[in-house]
Amino acid sequence: MLALAVAAPAYAHHSFAATYREKDSVTIEGELVQLDFRNPHSFVHLDVKEKDGTVVRYAVEWGGVGQLGQQGVTRETLRVGDHVIITGAPGRNPADHRVRMVTLKRPSDGFTWGQAAGQTVD
């Protein structure tokens, strides 16, 4: 008797809606302290000064290397120390300090990025 095993693809990719409040938007501004340019998603880590004066590290989820590359973004586009303004969907758990990036602006040179063509930070 011969038995065949058929493997179904594993769906390890998470739903953004499970992690982020997609219908809400936040704006954070701070200094880039780390860039993880990788697949399946890149992350930008920012130190953000909160209203009470404390500095909090945010993890901002971005696109993967291939997607960003098609949009002209490389691992050299952003540098540690860059001051950036990011808008995006906040994480479901505020204590996690997570954001899913929708737009990015670097005021020092006017660089902008948006998920949709022409979409940038005002």
PDB file of N, CA and C in Angstrom:
ATOM      1  N   MET A   1       0.848  -1.171   0.000  1.00  0.00           N
ATOM      2  CA  MET A   1       0.000   0.000   0.000  1.00  0.00           C
ATOM      3  C   MET A   1       0.895   1.236   0.000  1.00  0.00           C
ATOM      4  N   LEU A   2       0.590   2.180  -0.838  1.00  0.00           N
ATOM      5  CA  LEU A   2       1.359   3.401  -0.977  1.00  0.00           C
ATOM      6  C   LEU A   2       0.515   4.571  -0.502  1.00  0.00           C
ATOM      7  N   ALA A   3       1.077   5.346   0.356  1.00  0.00           N
ATOM      8  CA  ALA A   3       0.354   6.524   0.857  1.00  0.00           C
ATOM      9  C   ALA A   3       1.047   7.775   0.351  1.00  0.00           C
ATOM     10  N   LEU A   4       0.281   8.702  -0.117  1.00  0.00           N
ATOM     11  CA  LEU A   4       0.818   9.981  -0.576  1.00  0.00           C
ATOM     12  C   LEU A   4       0.413  11.069   0.403  1.00  0.00           C
ATOM     13  N   ALA A   5       1.362  11.872   0.713  1.00  0.00           N
ATOM     14  CA  ALA A   5       1.066  13.015   1.582  1.00  0.00           C
ATOM     15  C   ALA A   5       1.138  14.270   0.731  1.00  0.00           C
ATOM     16  N   VAL A   6       0.123  15.043   0.799  1.00  0.00           N
ATOM     17  CA  VAL A   6       0.085  16.300   0.054  1.00  0.00           C
ATOM     18  C   VAL A   6       0.142  17.426   1.068  1.00  0.00           C
ATOM     19  N   ALA A   7       1.136  18.253   0.902  1.00  0.00           N
ATOM     20  CA  ALA A   7       1.295  19.363   1.843  1.00  0.00           C
ATOM     21  C   ALA A   7       0.566  20.583   1.314  1.00  0.00           C
ATOM     22  N   ALA A   8      -0.229  21.160   2.137  1.00  0.00           N
ATOM     23  CA  ALA A   8      -0.894  22.420   1.788  1.00  0.00           C
ATOM     24  C   ALA A   8       0.047  23.557   2.152  1.00  0.00           C
ATOM     25  N   PRO A   9       0.002  24.641   1.410  1.00  0.00           N
ATOM     26  CA  PRO A   9       0.884  25.755   1.748  1.00  0.00           C
ATOM     27  C   PRO A   9       0.561  26.306   3.128  1.00  0.00           C
ATOM     28  N   ALA A  10       1.587  26.671   3.841  1.00  0.00           N
ATOM     29  CA  ALA A  10       1.401  27.251   5.171  1.00  0.00           C
ATOM     30  C   ALA A  10       1.177  28.747   5.021  1.00  0.00           C
ATOM     31  N   TYR A  11       0.187  29.234   5.676  1.00  0.00           N
ATOM     32  CA  TYR A  11      -0.112  30.659   5.606  1.00  0.00           C
ATOM     33  C   TYR A  11       0.379  31.339   6.875  1.00  0.00           C
ATOM     34  N   ALA A  12       1.658  31.688   6.868  1.00  0.00           N
ATOM     35  CA  ALA A  12       2.263  32.325   8.032  1.00  0.00           C
ATOM     36  C   ALA A  12       2.055  33.830   8.001  1.00  0.00           C
ATOM     37  N   HIS A  13       1.628  34.338   6.851  1.00  0.00           N
ATOM     38  CA  HIS A  13       1.464  35.776   6.710  1.00  0.00           C
ATOM     39  C   HIS A  13       0.259  36.232   7.525  1.00  0.00           C
ATOM     40  N   HIS A  14       0.443  37.253   8.320  1.00  0.00           N
ATOM     41  CA  HIS A  14      -0.629  37.717   9.185  1.00  0.00           C
ATOM     42  C   HIS A  14      -1.532  38.710   8.471  1.00  0.00           C
ATOM     43  N   SER A  15      -2.699  38.910   9.004  1.00  0.00           N
ATOM     44  CA  SER A  15      -3.620  39.921   8.507  1.00  0.00           C
ATOM     45  C   SER A  15      -3.277  41.241   9.187  1.00  0.00           C
ATOM     46  N   PHE A  16      -3.120  42.302   8.393  1.00  0.00           N
ATOM     47  CA  PHE A  16      -2.832  43.606   8.993  1.00  0.00           C
ATOM     48  C   PHE A  16      -3.958  44.021   9.933  1.00  0.00           C
ATOM     49  N   ALA A  17      -5.193  43.694   9.584  1.00  0.00           N
ATOM     50  CA  ALA A  17      -6.334  44.076  10.415  1.00  0.00           C
ATOM     51  C   ALA A  17      -6.282  43.417  11.792  1.00  0.00           C
ATOM     52  N   ALA A  18      -5.604  42.287  11.910  1.00  0.00           N
ATOM     53  CA  ALA A  18      -5.479  41.627  13.208  1.00  0.00           C
ATOM     54  C   ALA A  18      -4.486  42.352  14.108  1.00  0.00           C
ATOM     55  N   THR A  19      -3.549  43.077  13.510  1.00  0.00           N
ATOM     56  CA  THR A  19      -2.491  43.743  14.267  1.00  0.00           C
ATOM     57  C   THR A  19      -2.704  45.246  14.388  1.00  0.00           C
ATOM     58  N   TYR A  20      -3.336  45.840  13.370  1.00  0.00           N
ATOM     59  CA  TYR A  20      -3.467  47.300  13.310  1.00  0.00           C
ATOM     60  C   TYR A  20      -4.926  47.720  13.191  1.00  0.00           C
ATOM     61  N   ARG A  21      -5.217  48.916  13.698  1.00  0.00           N
ATOM     62  CA  ARG A  21      -6.540  49.523  13.541  1.00  0.00           C
ATOM     63  C   ARG A  21      -6.531  50.263  12.201  1.00  0.00           C
ATOM     64  N   GLU A  22      -6.832  49.559  11.137  1.00  0.00           N
ATOM     65  CA  GLU A  22      -6.694  50.051   9.768  1.00  0.00           C
ATOM     66  C   GLU A  22      -7.553  51.276   9.458  1.00  0.00           C
ATOM     67  N   LYS A  23      -8.642  51.472  10.172  1.00  0.00           N
ATOM     68  CA  LYS A  23      -9.521  52.616   9.897  1.00  0.00           C
ATOM     69  C   LYS A  23      -9.082  53.870  10.645  1.00  0.00           C
ATOM     70  N   ASP A  24      -8.114  53.734  11.540  1.00  0.00           N
ATOM     71  CA  ASP A  24      -7.608  54.871  12.312  1.00  0.00           C
ATOM     72  C   ASP A  24      -6.266  55.312  11.753  1.00  0.00           C
ATOM     73  N   SER A  25      -5.895  56.550  12.056  1.00  0.00           N
ATOM     74  CA  SER A  25      -4.617  57.076  11.583  1.00  0.00           C
ATOM     75  C   SER A  25      -3.931  57.850  12.700  1.00  0.00           C
ATOM     76  N   VAL A  26      -2.622  57.685  12.788  1.00  0.00           N
ATOM     77  CA  VAL A  26      -1.812  58.453  13.734  1.00  0.00           C
ATOM     78  C   VAL A  26      -0.642  59.056  12.970  1.00  0.00           C
ATOM     79  N   THR A  27      -0.095  60.119  13.532  1.00  0.00           N
ATOM     80  CA  THR A  27       1.124  60.724  13.001  1.00  0.00           C
ATOM     81  C   THR A  27       2.162  60.686  14.106  1.00  0.00           C
ATOM     82  N   ILE A  28       3.341  60.164  13.789  1.00  0.00           N
ATOM     83  CA  ILE A  28       4.444  60.181  14.743  1.00  0.00           C
ATOM     84  C   ILE A  28       5.628  60.867  14.081  1.00  0.00           C
ATOM     85  N   GLU A  29       6.444  61.492  14.907  1.00  0.00           N
ATOM     86  CA  GLU A  29       7.605  62.225  14.411  1.00  0.00           C
ATOM     87  C   GLU A  29       8.766  61.931  15.336  1.00  0.00           C
ATOM     88  N   GLY A  30       9.901  61.600  14.755  1.00  0.00           N
ATOM     89  CA  GLY A  30      11.041  61.295  15.595  1.00  0.00           C
ATOM     90  C   GLY A  30      12.284  60.975  14.800  1.00  0.00           C
ATOM     91  N   GLU A  31      13.266  60.446  15.528  1.00  0.00           N
ATOM     92  CA  GLU A  31      14.568  60.122  14.946  1.00  0.00           C
ATOM     93  C   GLU A  31      14.657  58.637  14.650  1.00  0.00           C
ATOM     94  N   LEU A  32      15.084  58.326  13.426  1.00  0.00           N
ATOM     95  CA  LEU A  32      15.256  56.940  13.022  1.00  0.00           C
ATOM     96  C   LEU A  32      16.455  56.353  13.773  1.00  0.00           C
ATOM     97  N   VAL A  33      16.224  55.253  14.474  1.00  0.00           N
ATOM     98  CA  VAL A  33      17.304  54.619  15.235  1.00  0.00           C
ATOM     99  C   VAL A  33      17.693  53.252  14.672  1.00  0.00           C
ATOM    100  N   GLN A  34      16.830  52.688  13.809  1.00  0.00           N
ATOM    101  CA  GLN A  34      17.145  51.384  13.218  1.00  0.00           C
ATOM    102  C   GLN A  34      16.270  51.182  11.990  1.00  0.00           C
ATOM    103  N   LEU A  35      16.853  50.578  10.943  1.00  0.00           N
ATOM    104  CA  LEU A  35      16.104  50.209   9.744  1.00  0.00           C
ATOM    105  C   LEU A  35      16.356  48.736   9.474  1.00  0.00           C
ATOM    106  N   ASP A  36      15.292  47.945   9.471  1.00  0.00           N
ATOM    107  CA  ASP A  36      15.371  46.529   9.110  1.00  0.00           C
ATOM    108  C   ASP A  36      14.783  46.407   7.710  1.00  0.00           C
ATOM    109  N   PHE A  37      15.633  46.447   6.704  1.00  0.00           N
ATOM    110  CA  PHE A  37      15.218  46.378   5.296  1.00  0.00           C
ATOM    111  C   PHE A  37      15.240  44.916   4.897  1.00  0.00           C
ATOM    112  N   ARG A  38      14.059  44.273   4.909  1.00  0.00           N
ATOM    113  CA  ARG A  38      14.008  42.823   4.734  1.00  0.00           C
ATOM    114  C   ARG A  38      12.639  42.384   4.225  1.00  0.00           C
ATOM    115  N   ASN A  39      12.542  41.111   3.923  1.00  0.00           N
ATOM    116  CA  ASN A  39      11.268  40.490   3.563  1.00  0.00           C
ATOM    117  C   ASN A  39      10.790  39.643   4.729  1.00  0.00           C
ATOM    118  N   PRO A  40       9.520  39.443   4.939  1.00  0.00           N
ATOM    119  CA  PRO A  40       8.456  39.922   4.075  1.00  0.00           C
ATOM    120  C   PRO A  40       8.074  41.378   4.316  1.00  0.00           C
ATOM    121  N   HIS A  41       8.468  41.958   5.456  1.00  0.00           N
ATOM    122  CA  HIS A  41       8.165  43.355   5.746  1.00  0.00           C
ATOM    123  C   HIS A  41       9.390  44.014   6.350  1.00  0.00           C
ATOM    124  N   SER A  42       9.642  45.228   5.928  1.00  0.00           N
ATOM    125  CA  SER A  42      10.710  46.022   6.534  1.00  0.00           C
ATOM    126  C   SER A  42      10.140  46.733   7.752  1.00  0.00           C
ATOM    127  N   PHE A  43      11.024  47.142   8.655  1.00  0.00           N
ATOM    128  CA  PHE A  43      10.614  47.909   9.827  1.00  0.00           C
ATOM    129  C   PHE A  43      11.525  49.109   9.989  1.00  0.00           C
ATOM    130  N   VAL A  44      10.924  50.236  10.349  1.00  0.00           N
ATOM    131  CA  VAL A  44      11.642  51.445  10.711  1.00  0.00           C
ATOM    132  C   VAL A  44      11.396  51.626  12.203  1.00  0.00           C
ATOM    133  N   HIS A  45      12.447  51.840  12.969  1.00  0.00           N
ATOM    134  CA  HIS A  45      12.302  52.050  14.409  1.00  0.00           C
ATOM    135  C   HIS A  45      12.640  53.502  14.707  1.00  0.00           C
ATOM    136  N   LEU A  46      11.714  54.181  15.386  1.00  0.00           N
ATOM    137  CA  LEU A  46      11.877  55.605  15.688  1.00  0.00           C
ATOM    138  C   LEU A  46      11.834  55.847  17.177  1.00  0.00           C
ATOM    139  N   ASP A  47      12.642  56.793  17.644  1.00  0.00           N
ATOM    140  CA  ASP A  47      12.485  57.327  18.993  1.00  0.00           C
ATOM    141  C   ASP A  47      11.599  58.552  18.870  1.00  0.00           C
ATOM    142  N   VAL A  48      10.447  58.511  19.540  1.00  0.00           N
ATOM    143  CA  VAL A  48       9.431  59.555  19.442  1.00  0.00           C
ATOM    144  C   VAL A  48       9.232  60.189  20.810  1.00  0.00           C
ATOM    145  N   LYS A  49       9.278  61.515  20.857  1.00  0.00           N
ATOM    146  CA  LYS A  49       9.034  62.232  22.112  1.00  0.00           C
ATOM    147  C   LYS A  49       7.524  62.382  22.286  1.00  0.00           C
ATOM    148  N   GLU A  50       7.002  61.782  23.343  1.00  0.00           N
ATOM    149  CA  GLU A  50       5.571  61.828  23.628  1.00  0.00           C
ATOM    150  C   GLU A  50       5.196  63.185  24.228  1.00  0.00           C
ATOM    151  N   LYS A  51       3.890  63.445  24.341  1.00  0.00           N
ATOM    152  CA  LYS A  51       3.404  64.720  24.885  1.00  0.00           C
ATOM    153  C   LYS A  51       3.907  64.981  26.298  1.00  0.00           C
ATOM    154  N   ASP A  52       4.113  63.911  27.085  1.00  0.00           N
ATOM    155  CA  ASP A  52       4.582  64.082  28.466  1.00  0.00           C
ATOM    156  C   ASP A  52       6.102  64.214  28.563  1.00  0.00           C
ATOM    157  N   GLY A  53       6.784  64.220  27.412  1.00  0.00           N
ATOM    158  CA  GLY A  53       8.234  64.400  27.398  1.00  0.00           C
ATOM    159  C   GLY A  53       9.044  63.116  27.376  1.00  0.00           C
ATOM    160  N   THR A  54       8.401  61.987  27.625  1.00  0.00           N
ATOM    161  CA  THR A  54       9.130  60.719  27.584  1.00  0.00           C
ATOM    162  C   THR A  54       9.418  60.330  26.131  1.00  0.00           C
ATOM    163  N   VAL A  55      10.513  59.611  25.937  1.00  0.00           N
ATOM    164  CA  VAL A  55      10.873  59.139  24.603  1.00  0.00           C
ATOM    165  C   VAL A  55      10.509  57.659  24.512  1.00  0.00           C
ATOM    166  N   VAL A  56       9.750  57.329  23.480  1.00  0.00           N
ATOM    167  CA  VAL A  56       9.260  55.967  23.286  1.00  0.00           C
ATOM    168  C   VAL A  56       9.736  55.464  21.927  1.00  0.00           C
ATOM    169  N   ARG A  57      10.172  54.223  21.874  1.00  0.00           N
ATOM    170  CA  ARG A  57      10.593  53.613  20.610  1.00  0.00           C
ATOM    171  C   ARG A  57       9.385  52.976  19.927  1.00  0.00           C
ATOM    172  N   TYR A  58       9.137  53.373  18.692  1.00  0.00           N
ATOM    173  CA  TYR A  58       8.058  52.831  17.871  1.00  0.00           C
ATOM    174  C   TYR A  58       8.627  51.900  16.813  1.00  0.00           C
ATOM    175  N   ALA A  59       7.931  50.800  16.564  1.00  0.00           N
ATOM    176  CA  ALA A  59       8.247  49.893  15.463  1.00  0.00           C
ATOM    177  C   ALA A  59       7.221  50.162  14.367  1.00  0.00           C
ATOM    178  N   VAL A  60       7.708  50.597  13.212  1.00  0.00           N
ATOM    179  CA  VAL A  60       6.833  50.973  12.109  1.00  0.00           C
ATOM    180  C   VAL A  60       7.005  49.961  10.981  1.00  0.00           C
ATOM    181  N   GLU A  61       5.934  49.243  10.681  1.00  0.00           N
ATOM    182  CA  GLU A  61       5.983  48.205   9.650  1.00  0.00           C
ATOM    183  C   GLU A  61       5.831  48.833   8.269  1.00  0.00           C
ATOM    184  N   TRP A  62       6.689  48.376   7.342  1.00  0.00           N
ATOM    185  CA  TRP A  62       6.751  48.937   6.000  1.00  0.00           C
ATOM    186  C   TRP A  62       6.659  47.794   5.003  1.00  0.00           C
ATOM    187  N   GLY A  63       6.835  48.057   3.742  1.00  0.00           N
ATOM    188  CA  GLY A  63       6.776  47.026   2.710  1.00  0.00           C
ATOM    189  C   GLY A  63       8.023  46.161   2.691  1.00  0.00           C
ATOM    190  N   GLY A  64       7.970  45.107   1.911  1.00  0.00           N
ATOM    191  CA  GLY A  64       9.120  44.234   1.728  1.00  0.00           C
ATOM    192  C   GLY A  64      10.126  44.838   0.760  1.00  0.00           C
ATOM    193  N   VAL A  65      11.298  44.227   0.687  1.00  0.00           N
ATOM    194  CA  VAL A  65      12.399  44.723  -0.141  1.00  0.00           C
ATOM    195  C   VAL A  65      11.981  44.872  -1.607  1.00  0.00           C
ATOM    196  N   GLY A  66      11.320  43.869  -2.159  1.00  0.00           N
ATOM    197  CA  GLY A  66      10.912  43.922  -3.565  1.00  0.00           C
ATOM    198  C   GLY A  66       9.928  45.040  -3.849  1.00  0.00           C
ATOM    199  N   GLN A  67       8.907  45.137  -3.007  1.00  0.00           N
ATOM    200  CA  GLN A  67       7.888  46.181  -3.171  1.00  0.00           C
ATOM    201  C   GLN A  67       8.518  47.563  -3.069  1.00  0.00           C
ATOM    202  N   LEU A  68       9.325  47.774  -2.048  1.00  0.00           N
ATOM    203  CA  LEU A  68       9.949  49.084  -1.858  1.00  0.00           C
ATOM    204  C   LEU A  68      10.927  49.391  -2.986  1.00  0.00           C
ATOM    205  N   GLY A  69      11.666  48.379  -3.436  1.00  0.00           N
ATOM    206  CA  GLY A  69      12.603  48.573  -4.541  1.00  0.00           C
ATOM    207  C   GLY A  69      11.904  49.046  -5.804  1.00  0.00           C
ATOM    208  N   GLN A  70      10.718  48.509  -6.069  1.00  0.00           N
ATOM    209  CA  GLN A  70       9.944  48.937  -7.238  1.00  0.00           C
ATOM    210  C   GLN A  70       9.503  50.392  -7.112  1.00  0.00           C
ATOM    211  N   GLN A  71       9.482  50.892  -5.880  1.00  0.00           N
ATOM    212  CA  GLN A  71       9.087  52.280  -5.628  1.00  0.00           C
ATOM    213  C   GLN A  71      10.309  53.183  -5.456  1.00  0.00           C
ATOM    214  N   GLY A  72      11.498  52.641  -5.743  1.00  0.00           N
ATOM    215  CA  GLY A  72      12.716  53.440  -5.679  1.00  0.00           C
ATOM    216  C   GLY A  72      13.358  53.535  -4.309  1.00  0.00           C
ATOM    217  N   VAL A  73      12.870  52.755  -3.343  1.00  0.00           N
ATOM    218  CA  VAL A  73      13.423  52.773  -1.990  1.00  0.00           C
ATOM    219  C   VAL A  73      14.466  51.669  -1.871  1.00  0.00           C
ATOM    220  N   THR A  74      15.657  52.015  -1.365  1.00  0.00           N
ATOM    221  CA  THR A  74      16.726  51.045  -1.125  1.00  0.00           C
ATOM    222  C   THR A  74      17.120  51.106   0.342  1.00  0.00           C
ATOM    223  N   ARG A  75      18.034  50.231   0.729  1.00  0.00           N
ATOM    224  CA  ARG A  75      18.487  50.255   2.133  1.00  0.00           C
ATOM    225  C   ARG A  75      19.279  51.521   2.446  1.00  0.00           C
ATOM    226  N   GLU A  76      19.670  52.284   1.420  1.00  0.00           N
ATOM    227  CA  GLU A  76      20.396  53.541   1.636  1.00  0.00           C
ATOM    228  C   GLU A  76      19.481  54.764   1.639  1.00  0.00           C
ATOM    229  N   THR A  77      18.191  54.579   1.359  1.00  0.00           N
ATOM    230  CA  THR A  77      17.264  55.712   1.276  1.00  0.00           C
ATOM    231  C   THR A  77      17.138  56.430   2.615  1.00  0.00           C
ATOM    232  N   LEU A  78      17.036  55.675   3.686  1.00  0.00           N
ATOM    233  CA  LEU A  78      16.940  56.248   5.030  1.00  0.00           C
ATOM    234  C   LEU A  78      18.183  55.880   5.813  1.00  0.00           C
ATOM    235  N   ARG A  79      18.578  56.768   6.705  1.00  0.00           N
ATOM    236  CA  ARG A  79      19.774  56.556   7.530  1.00  0.00           C
ATOM    237  C   ARG A  79      19.436  56.757   9.004  1.00  0.00           C
ATOM    238  N   VAL A  80      20.137  56.022   9.851  1.00  0.00           N
ATOM    239  CA  VAL A  80      20.020  56.239  11.290  1.00  0.00           C
ATOM    240  C   VAL A  80      20.331  57.707  11.551  1.00  0.00           C
ATOM    241  N   GLY A  81      19.492  58.340  12.352  1.00  0.00           N
ATOM    242  CA  GLY A  81      19.642  59.756  12.659  1.00  0.00           C
ATOM    243  C   GLY A  81      18.708  60.647  11.863  1.00  0.00           C
ATOM    244  N   ASP A  82      18.127  60.125  10.772  1.00  0.00           N
ATOM    245  CA  ASP A  82      17.168  60.917   9.996  1.00  0.00           C
ATOM    246  C   ASP A  82      15.968  61.280  10.863  1.00  0.00           C
ATOM    247  N   HIS A  83      15.526  62.530  10.738  1.00  0.00           N
ATOM    248  CA  HIS A  83      14.295  62.983  11.387  1.00  0.00           C
ATOM    249  C   HIS A  83      13.167  62.755  10.386  1.00  0.00           C
ATOM    250  N   VAL A  84      12.152  61.982  10.772  1.00  0.00           N
ATOM    251  CA  VAL A  84      11.065  61.650   9.855  1.00  0.00           C
ATOM    252  C   VAL A  84       9.704  61.846  10.516  1.00  0.00           C
ATOM    253  N   ILE A  85       8.715  62.055   9.659  1.00  0.00           N
ATOM    254  CA  ILE A  85       7.316  62.147  10.079  1.00  0.00           C
ATOM    255  C   ILE A  85       6.583  61.022   9.360  1.00  0.00           C
ATOM    256  N   ILE A  86       5.872  60.205  10.122  1.00  0.00           N
ATOM    257  CA  ILE A  86       5.192  59.036   9.571  1.00  0.00           C
ATOM    258  C   ILE A  86       3.721  59.079   9.951  1.00  0.00           C
ATOM    259  N   THR A  87       2.859  58.779   8.980  1.00  0.00           N
ATOM    260  CA  THR A  87       1.452  58.548   9.283  1.00  0.00           C
ATOM    261  C   THR A  87       1.170  57.078   9.028  1.00  0.00           C
ATOM    262  N   GLY A  88       0.186  56.559   9.747  1.00  0.00           N
ATOM    263  CA  GLY A  88      -0.150  55.165   9.531  1.00  0.00           C
ATOM    264  C   GLY A  88      -1.225  54.676  10.468  1.00  0.00           C
ATOM    265  N   ALA A  89      -1.506  53.394  10.359  1.00  0.00           N
ATOM    266  CA  ALA A  89      -2.510  52.742  11.192  1.00  0.00           C
ATOM    267  C   ALA A  89      -1.865  52.324  12.511  1.00  0.00           C
ATOM    268  N   PRO A  90      -2.451  52.751  13.634  1.00  0.00           N
ATOM    269  CA  PRO A  90      -1.870  52.374  14.932  1.00  0.00           C
ATOM    270  C   PRO A  90      -2.114  50.904  15.248  1.00  0.00           C
ATOM    271  N   GLY A  91      -1.240  50.359  16.072  1.00  0.00           N
ATOM    272  CA  GLY A  91      -1.414  48.986  16.516  1.00  0.00           C
ATOM    273  C   GLY A  91      -2.637  48.846  17.399  1.00  0.00           C
ATOM    274  N   ARG A  92      -3.207  47.660  17.426  1.00  0.00           N
ATOM    275  CA  ARG A  92      -4.387  47.411  18.261  1.00  0.00           C
ATOM    276  C   ARG A  92      -4.060  47.533  19.746  1.00  0.00           C
ATOM    277  N   ASN A  93      -2.847  47.163  20.141  1.00  0.00           N
ATOM    278  CA  ASN A  93      -2.429  47.283  21.536  1.00  0.00           C
ATOM    279  C   ASN A  93      -1.514  48.499  21.656  1.00  0.00           C
ATOM    280  N   PRO A  94      -1.997  49.605  22.234  1.00  0.00           N
ATOM    281  CA  PRO A  94      -1.190  50.827  22.316  1.00  0.00           C
ATOM    282  C   PRO A  94       0.153  50.634  23.020  1.00  0.00           C
ATOM    283  N   ALA A  95       0.230  49.683  23.941  1.00  0.00           N
ATOM    284  CA  ALA A  95       1.475  49.446  24.675  1.00  0.00           C
ATOM    285  C   ALA A  95       2.576  48.892  23.773  1.00  0.00           C
ATOM    286  N   ASP A  96       2.209  48.363  22.604  1.00  0.00           N
ATOM    287  CA  ASP A  96       3.203  47.819  21.676  1.00  0.00           C
ATOM    288  C   ASP A  96       3.929  48.896  20.881  1.00  0.00           C
ATOM    289  N   HIS A  97       3.357  50.106  20.814  1.00  0.00           N
ATOM    290  CA  HIS A  97       3.959  51.213  20.055  1.00  0.00           C
ATOM    291  C   HIS A  97       4.318  50.769  18.638  1.00  0.00           C
ATOM    292  N   ARG A  98       3.294  50.282  17.934  1.00  0.00           N
ATOM    293  CA  ARG A  98       3.454  49.821  16.547  1.00  0.00           C
ATOM    294  C   ARG A  98       2.591  50.675  15.633  1.00  0.00           C
ATOM    295  N   VAL A  99       3.079  50.857  14.416  1.00  0.00           N
ATOM    296  CA  VAL A  99       2.334  51.583  13.391  1.00  0.00           C
ATOM    297  C   VAL A  99       2.582  50.877  12.062  1.00  0.00           C
ATOM    298  N   ARG A 100       1.552  50.783  11.239  1.00  0.00           N
ATOM    299  CA  ARG A 100       1.721  50.303   9.860  1.00  0.00           C
ATOM    300  C   ARG A 100       1.809  51.541   8.978  1.00  0.00           C
ATOM    301  N   MET A 101       2.972  51.740   8.368  1.00  0.00           N
ATOM    302  CA  MET A 101       3.241  52.968   7.629  1.00  0.00           C
ATOM    303  C   MET A 101       2.327  53.134   6.420  1.00  0.00           C
ATOM    304  N   VAL A 102       1.807  54.386   6.290  1.00  0.00           N
ATOM    305  CA  VAL A 102       1.045  54.779   5.113  1.00  0.00           C
ATOM    306  C   VAL A 102       1.812  55.856   4.349  1.00  0.00           C
ATOM    307  N   THR A 103       2.388  56.824   5.082  1.00  0.00           N
ATOM    308  CA  THR A 103       3.215  57.859   4.446  1.00  0.00           C
ATOM    309  C   THR A 103       4.439  58.150   5.298  1.00  0.00           C
ATOM    310  N   LEU A 104       5.470  58.659   4.645  1.00  0.00           N
ATOM    311  CA  LEU A 104       6.710  59.052   5.324  1.00  0.00           C
ATOM    312  C   LEU A 104       7.220  60.339   4.687  1.00  0.00           C
ATOM    313  N   LYS A 105       7.729  61.236   5.521  1.00  0.00           N
ATOM    314  CA  LYS A 105       8.360  62.461   5.027  1.00  0.00           C
ATOM    315  C   LYS A 105       9.640  62.696   5.818  1.00  0.00           C
ATOM    316  N   ARG A 106      10.709  63.071   5.095  1.00  0.00           N
ATOM    317  CA  ARG A 106      11.967  63.474   5.729  1.00  0.00           C
ATOM    318  C   ARG A 106      12.120  64.969   5.434  1.00  0.00           C
ATOM    319  N   PRO A 107      11.839  65.825   6.422  1.00  0.00           N
ATOM    320  CA  PRO A 107      11.853  67.271   6.187  1.00  0.00           C
ATOM    321  C   PRO A 107      13.203  67.832   5.740  1.00  0.00           C
ATOM    322  N   SER A 108      14.310  67.205   6.109  1.00  0.00           N
ATOM    323  CA  SER A 108      15.632  67.762   5.797  1.00  0.00           C
ATOM    324  C   SER A 108      15.869  67.943   4.306  1.00  0.00           C
ATOM    325  N   ASP A 109      15.294  67.056   3.481  1.00  0.00           N
ATOM    326  CA  ASP A 109      15.486  67.185   2.029  1.00  0.00           C
ATOM    327  C   ASP A 109      14.190  67.071   1.237  1.00  0.00           C
ATOM    328  N   GLY A 110      13.068  66.940   1.945  1.00  0.00           N
ATOM    329  CA  GLY A 110      11.780  66.876   1.271  1.00  0.00           C
ATOM    330  C   GLY A 110      11.405  65.511   0.729  1.00  0.00           C
ATOM    331  N   PHE A 111      12.212  64.471   1.014  1.00  0.00           N
ATOM    332  CA  PHE A 111      11.879  63.126   0.540  1.00  0.00           C
ATOM    333  C   PHE A 111      10.531  62.709   1.113  1.00  0.00           C
ATOM    334  N   THR A 112       9.671  62.150   0.254  1.00  0.00           N
ATOM    335  CA  THR A 112       8.381  61.634   0.702  1.00  0.00           C
ATOM    336  C   THR A 112       8.140  60.264   0.093  1.00  0.00           C
ATOM    337  N   TRP A 113       7.328  59.472   0.772  1.00  0.00           N
ATOM    338  CA  TRP A 113       6.913  58.163   0.294  1.00  0.00           C
ATOM    339  C   TRP A 113       5.464  57.970   0.715  1.00  0.00           C
ATOM    340  N   GLY A 114       4.666  57.351  -0.153  1.00  0.00           N
ATOM    341  CA  GLY A 114       3.283  57.023   0.173  1.00  0.00           C
ATOM    342  C   GLY A 114       2.912  55.689  -0.418  1.00  0.00           C
ATOM    343  N   GLN A 115       1.990  54.973   0.233  1.00  0.00           N
ATOM    344  CA  GLN A 115       1.577  53.654  -0.258  1.00  0.00           C
ATOM    345  C   GLN A 115       0.964  53.732  -1.645  1.00  0.00           C
ATOM    346  N   ALA A 116       0.191  54.776  -1.899  1.00  0.00           N
ATOM    347  CA  ALA A 116      -0.433  54.939  -3.212  1.00  0.00           C
ATOM    348  C   ALA A 116       0.283  56.052  -3.969  1.00  0.00           C
ATOM    349  N   ALA A 117       0.282  55.978  -5.272  1.00  0.00           N
ATOM    350  CA  ALA A 117       0.938  57.003  -6.091  1.00  0.00           C
ATOM    351  C   ALA A 117       0.430  58.389  -5.714  1.00  0.00           C
ATOM    352  N   GLY A 118       1.355  59.290  -5.469  1.00  0.00           N
ATOM    353  CA  GLY A 118       1.003  60.660  -5.112  1.00  0.00           C
ATOM    354  C   GLY A 118       0.617  60.856  -3.660  1.00  0.00           C
ATOM    355  N   GLN A 119       0.593  59.800  -2.876  1.00  0.00           N
ATOM    356  CA  GLN A 119       0.184  59.894  -1.478  1.00  0.00           C
ATOM    357  C   GLN A 119       1.404  60.216  -0.626  1.00  0.00           C
ATOM    358  N   THR A 120       1.401  61.375  -0.009  1.00  0.00           N
ATOM    359  CA  THR A 120       2.514  61.798   0.830  1.00  0.00           C
ATOM    360  C   THR A 120       1.989  62.529   2.049  1.00  0.00           C
ATOM    361  N   VAL A 121       2.885  62.828   2.966  1.00  0.00           N
ATOM    362  CA  VAL A 121       2.536  63.596   4.152  1.00  0.00           C
ATOM    363  C   VAL A 121       2.356  65.049   3.739  1.00  0.00           C
ATOM    364  N   ASP A 122       1.289  65.680   4.194  1.00  0.00           N
ATOM    365  CA  ASP A 122       1.082  67.110   3.902  1.00  0.00           C
ATOM    366  C   ASP A 122       2.016  67.962   4.723  1.00  0.00           C
TER     367      ASP A 122
END
